[in-house]
Amino acid sequence: MAKRSIWKGPFIHKEIFSDISLNKKKIKTTARSTVILPFLIGKTLYVYNGKVFIPITIIEEMVGSKLGEFIPTRLRHIYKKK
C-alpha cells in the first residue's frame, strides 16, 4: 500500500471535521479512508460499510489507522446445518 506524501498530511474528510466542530451528537460518514487523529479519541463515529452505518468508538490505540480498518464490509459464509 502506498503511503501518502508527508507534505500533504493525513487525509481527513472535511465533513467529519465540520461535524465535530459543530458538536453534533451523531456523526455519520462514508469516508473509510479518513485517518484517525488524536482529537477524535472518545468520539463515536457511524461508518458506512456499504449496507448500514456501524458505530465505532475511537480509542487511543486506533490513532494513525484508517476508519475502514475497523469496519467489516463482507459477511462471513456460514454453512447451514442439515
C-alpha atoms as a PDB file:
ATOM      1  CA  MET A   1       0.000   0.000   0.000  1.00  0.00           C
ATOM      2  CA  ALA A   2       1.402   3.376  -0.974  1.00  0.00           C
ATOM      3  CA  LYS A   3       1.918   5.992   1.722  1.00  0.00           C
ATOM      4  CA  ARG A   4       0.545   9.488   1.476  1.00  0.00           C
ATOM      5  CA  SER A   5       3.122  12.246   0.982  1.00  0.00           C
ATOM      6  CA  ILE A   6       4.315  13.832   4.204  1.00  0.00           C
ATOM      7  CA  TRP A   7       3.878  17.352   2.867  1.00  0.00           C
ATOM      8  CA  LYS A   8       0.182  16.649   2.171  1.00  0.00           C
ATOM      9  CA  GLY A   9      -0.505  15.459   5.710  1.00  0.00           C
ATOM     10  CA  PRO A  10      -3.111  12.901   6.805  1.00  0.00           C
ATOM     11  CA  PHE A  11      -6.450  12.728   4.975  1.00  0.00           C
ATOM     12  CA  ILE A  12      -9.483  13.872   6.947  1.00  0.00           C
ATOM     13  CA  HIS A  13     -12.822  14.196   5.211  1.00  0.00           C
ATOM     14  CA  LYS A  14     -13.981  17.811   5.603  1.00  0.00           C
ATOM     15  CA  GLU A  15     -17.484  16.649   6.542  1.00  0.00           C
ATOM     16  CA  ILE A  16     -16.184  14.868   9.661  1.00  0.00           C
ATOM     17  CA  PHE A  17     -14.081  17.849  10.660  1.00  0.00           C
ATOM     18  CA  SER A  18     -17.013  20.269  10.374  1.00  0.00           C
ATOM     19  CA  ASP A  19     -19.419  17.937  12.236  1.00  0.00           C
ATOM     20  CA  ILE A  20     -17.021  17.645  15.179  1.00  0.00           C
ATOM     21  CA  SER A  21     -16.516  21.406  15.347  1.00  0.00           C
ATOM     22  CA  LEU A  22     -20.328  21.848  15.437  1.00  0.00           C
ATOM     23  CA  ASN A  23     -20.579  19.293  18.319  1.00  0.00           C
ATOM     24  CA  LYS A  24     -23.088  17.066  16.541  1.00  0.00           C
ATOM     25  CA  LYS A  25     -24.319  14.070  18.545  1.00  0.00           C
ATOM     26  CA  LYS A  26     -24.346  11.534  15.703  1.00  0.00           C
ATOM     27  CA  ILE A  27     -21.503  11.833  13.179  1.00  0.00           C
ATOM     28  CA  LYS A  28     -22.150   9.678  10.106  1.00  0.00           C
ATOM     29  CA  THR A  29     -19.572   9.210   7.379  1.00  0.00           C
ATOM     30  CA  THR A  30     -18.857   7.138   4.307  1.00  0.00           C
ATOM     31  CA  ALA A  31     -15.187   8.205   4.165  1.00  0.00           C
ATOM     32  CA  ARG A  32     -13.479   4.968   5.231  1.00  0.00           C
ATOM     33  CA  SER A  33     -10.096   6.328   4.110  1.00  0.00           C
ATOM     34  CA  THR A  34     -10.059   9.027   6.799  1.00  0.00           C
ATOM     35  CA  VAL A  35      -7.055   8.787   9.126  1.00  0.00           C
ATOM     36  CA  ILE A  36      -7.843   8.701  12.850  1.00  0.00           C
ATOM     37  CA  LEU A  37      -6.150  11.577  14.696  1.00  0.00           C
ATOM     38  CA  PRO A  38      -5.814  12.258  18.454  1.00  0.00           C
ATOM     39  CA  PHE A  39      -8.639  14.824  18.595  1.00  0.00           C
ATOM     40  CA  LEU A  40     -11.107  12.029  17.707  1.00  0.00           C
ATOM     41  CA  ILE A  41     -10.357   9.973  20.854  1.00  0.00           C
ATOM     42  CA  GLY A  42     -13.530   9.286  22.813  1.00  0.00           C
ATOM     43  CA  LYS A  43     -15.886  10.215  19.957  1.00  0.00           C
ATOM     44  CA  THR A  44     -18.361   7.766  18.410  1.00  0.00           C
ATOM     45  CA  LEU A  45     -18.483   7.764  14.623  1.00  0.00           C
ATOM     46  CA  TYR A  46     -21.001   5.910  12.474  1.00  0.00           C
ATOM     47  CA  VAL A  47     -19.105   4.499   9.476  1.00  0.00           C
ATOM     48  CA  TYR A  48     -20.897   3.126   6.413  1.00  0.00           C
ATOM     49  CA  ASN A  49     -19.931  -0.419   5.384  1.00  0.00           C
ATOM     50  CA  GLY A  50     -21.948  -0.494   2.162  1.00  0.00           C
ATOM     51  CA  LYS A  51     -25.215  -1.520   3.775  1.00  0.00           C
ATOM     52  CA  VAL A  52     -25.623   0.068   7.217  1.00  0.00           C
ATOM     53  CA  PHE A  53     -23.871   2.583   9.467  1.00  0.00           C
ATOM     54  CA  ILE A  54     -21.823   0.801  12.146  1.00  0.00           C
ATOM     55  CA  PRO A  55     -20.876   2.740  15.320  1.00  0.00           C
ATOM     56  CA  ILE A  56     -17.254   2.703  16.480  1.00  0.00           C
ATOM     57  CA  THR A  57     -15.825   4.477  19.494  1.00  0.00           C
ATOM     58  CA  ILE A  58     -12.335   5.790  18.895  1.00  0.00           C
ATOM     59  CA  ILE A  59      -9.718   4.688  21.441  1.00  0.00           C
ATOM     60  CA  GLU A  60      -6.069   5.612  21.811  1.00  0.00           C
ATOM     61  CA  GLU A  61      -4.727   2.504  20.046  1.00  0.00           C
ATOM     62  CA  MET A  62      -6.620   3.398  16.841  1.00  0.00           C
ATOM     63  CA  VAL A  63      -4.709   6.661  16.240  1.00  0.00           C
ATOM     64  CA  GLY A  64      -2.857   6.563  12.923  1.00  0.00           C
ATOM     65  CA  SER A  65      -5.105   3.907  11.385  1.00  0.00           C
ATOM     66  CA  LYS A  66      -7.940   4.440   8.927  1.00  0.00           C
ATOM     67  CA  LEU A  67     -11.644   4.160   9.752  1.00  0.00           C
ATOM     68  CA  GLY A  68     -12.179   1.378   7.218  1.00  0.00           C
ATOM     69  CA  GLU A  69      -9.811  -0.971   9.030  1.00  0.00           C
ATOM     70  CA  PHE A  70     -12.316  -1.463  11.853  1.00  0.00           C
ATOM     71  CA  ILE A  71     -15.476  -1.961   9.772  1.00  0.00           C
ATOM     72  CA  PRO A  72     -16.022  -5.324   8.026  1.00  0.00           C
ATOM     73  CA  THR A  73     -17.587  -4.991   4.576  1.00  0.00           C
ATOM     74  CA  ARG A  74     -18.217  -8.640   3.786  1.00  0.00           C
ATOM     75  CA  LEU A  75     -20.376 -11.180   5.554  1.00  0.00           C
ATOM     76  CA  ARG A  76     -18.901 -14.431   6.844  1.00  0.00           C
ATOM     77  CA  HIS A  77     -20.021 -17.518   4.995  1.00  0.00           C
ATOM     78  CA  ILE A  78     -21.895 -19.891   7.302  1.00  0.00           C
ATOM     79  CA  TYR A  79     -22.882 -23.414   6.244  1.00  0.00           C
ATOM     80  CA  LYS A  80     -26.397 -24.481   7.107  1.00  0.00           C
ATOM     81  CA  LYS A  81     -26.827 -27.474   9.365  1.00  0.00           C
ATOM     82  CA  LYS A  82     -28.919 -30.278   7.918  1.00  0.00           C
END
